[in-house]
Amino acid sequence: MGRPLRIEFEDGFYHITSRGNERKKIFLDDYDRKKFLEFLKEYHLKFRAVFHCFIMGVRP
């Protein structure tokens, strides 16, 4: 049995996370990070999405 459909609201706020399995890095290099930011820019322009960011546990 699949999970129930998400309820969507116009102008709603949604919580989205990006985390690697077993706390592994999700970006291997600067190219990966820049490509991810390009995707966010594309979604912002296409859907007028606004992104807020809070980063925890950043390790060098």
C-alpha atoms as a PDB file:
ATOM      1  CA  MET A   1       0.000   0.000   0.000  1.00  0.00           C
ATOM      2  CA  GLY A   2       1.387   3.389  -0.987  1.00  0.00           C
ATOM      3  CA  ARG A   3       1.491   6.419   1.214  1.00  0.00           C
ATOM      4  CA  PRO A   4      -1.419   8.904   1.148  1.00  0.00           C
ATOM      5  CA  LEU A   5      -1.234  11.807  -1.303  1.00  0.00           C
ATOM      6  CA  ARG A   6       0.289  15.024   0.001  1.00  0.00           C
ATOM      7  CA  ILE A   7      -2.020  17.923   0.676  1.00  0.00           C
ATOM      8  CA  GLU A   8      -0.891  20.955  -1.302  1.00  0.00           C
ATOM      9  CA  PHE A   9      -1.759  24.585  -0.611  1.00  0.00           C
ATOM     10  CA  GLU A  10      -1.289  27.563  -2.907  1.00  0.00           C
ATOM     11  CA  ASP A  11       1.341  29.853  -1.350  1.00  0.00           C
ATOM     12  CA  GLY A  12       2.027  27.168   1.273  1.00  0.00           C
ATOM     13  CA  PHE A  13       5.315  26.510   3.052  1.00  0.00           C
ATOM     14  CA  TYR A  14       6.971  23.139   2.572  1.00  0.00           C
ATOM     15  CA  HIS A  15       9.856  21.570   4.466  1.00  0.00           C
ATOM     16  CA  ILE A  16      12.453  19.978   2.195  1.00  0.00           C
ATOM     17  CA  THR A  17      15.717  18.393   3.259  1.00  0.00           C
ATOM     18  CA  SER A  18      18.757  17.117   1.414  1.00  0.00           C
ATOM     19  CA  ARG A  19      20.892  14.610   3.234  1.00  0.00           C
ATOM     20  CA  GLY A  20      23.125  11.796   2.077  1.00  0.00           C
ATOM     21  CA  ASN A  21      22.667   8.217   3.217  1.00  0.00           C
ATOM     22  CA  GLU A  22      24.641   7.464   6.374  1.00  0.00           C
ATOM     23  CA  ARG A  23      25.422  11.199   6.644  1.00  0.00           C
ATOM     24  CA  LYS A  24      27.578  11.022   3.524  1.00  0.00           C
ATOM     25  CA  LYS A  25      28.179  14.142   1.442  1.00  0.00           C
ATOM     26  CA  ILE A  26      25.575  14.922  -1.202  1.00  0.00           C
ATOM     27  CA  PHE A  27      27.898  17.158  -3.231  1.00  0.00           C
ATOM     28  CA  LEU A  28      31.195  15.672  -4.320  1.00  0.00           C
ATOM     29  CA  ASP A  29      32.672  18.894  -5.694  1.00  0.00           C
ATOM     30  CA  ASP A  30      31.931  22.516  -6.629  1.00  0.00           C
ATOM     31  CA  TYR A  31      30.367  21.420  -9.934  1.00  0.00           C
ATOM     32  CA  ASP A  32      27.717  19.432  -8.012  1.00  0.00           C
ATOM     33  CA  ARG A  33      26.945  22.380  -5.740  1.00  0.00           C
ATOM     34  CA  LYS A  34      26.684  24.815  -8.661  1.00  0.00           C
ATOM     35  CA  LYS A  35      24.417  22.449 -10.606  1.00  0.00           C
ATOM     36  CA  PHE A  36      22.116  22.149  -7.582  1.00  0.00           C
ATOM     37  CA  LEU A  37      21.934  25.950  -7.321  1.00  0.00           C
ATOM     38  CA  GLU A  38      21.107  26.141 -11.037  1.00  0.00           C
ATOM     39  CA  PHE A  39      18.172  23.768 -10.456  1.00  0.00           C
ATOM     40  CA  LEU A  40      16.948  25.961  -7.587  1.00  0.00           C
ATOM     41  CA  LYS A  41      17.204  29.053  -9.787  1.00  0.00           C
ATOM     42  CA  GLU A  42      15.244  27.297 -12.547  1.00  0.00           C
ATOM     43  CA  TYR A  43      12.474  26.316 -10.109  1.00  0.00           C
ATOM     44  CA  HIS A  44      12.402  29.838  -8.688  1.00  0.00           C
ATOM     45  CA  LEU A  45      11.908  31.342 -12.148  1.00  0.00           C
ATOM     46  CA  LYS A  46       9.408  28.710 -13.299  1.00  0.00           C
ATOM     47  CA  PHE A  47       7.270  28.405 -10.162  1.00  0.00           C
ATOM     48  CA  ARG A  48       8.118  31.667  -8.324  1.00  0.00           C
ATOM     49  CA  ALA A  49       9.345  29.542  -5.412  1.00  0.00           C
ATOM     50  CA  VAL A  50      11.116  31.249  -2.520  1.00  0.00           C
ATOM     51  CA  PHE A  51      13.827  29.285  -0.729  1.00  0.00           C
ATOM     52  CA  HIS A  52      15.010  29.785   2.843  1.00  0.00           C
ATOM     53  CA  CYS A  53      18.050  27.968   4.127  1.00  0.00           C
ATOM     54  CA  PHE A  54      19.357  26.794   7.485  1.00  0.00           C
ATOM     55  CA  ILE A  55      22.447  24.623   7.573  1.00  0.00           C
ATOM     56  CA  MET A  56      23.266  22.474  10.592  1.00  0.00           C
ATOM     57  CA  GLY A  57      26.231  20.305  11.319  1.00  0.00           C
ATOM     58  CA  VAL A  58      28.448  21.502   8.509  1.00  0.00           C
ATOM     59  CA  ARG A  59      31.742  19.686   8.627  1.00  0.00           C
ATOM     60  CA  PRO A  60      34.890  20.756   6.746  1.00  0.00           C
END
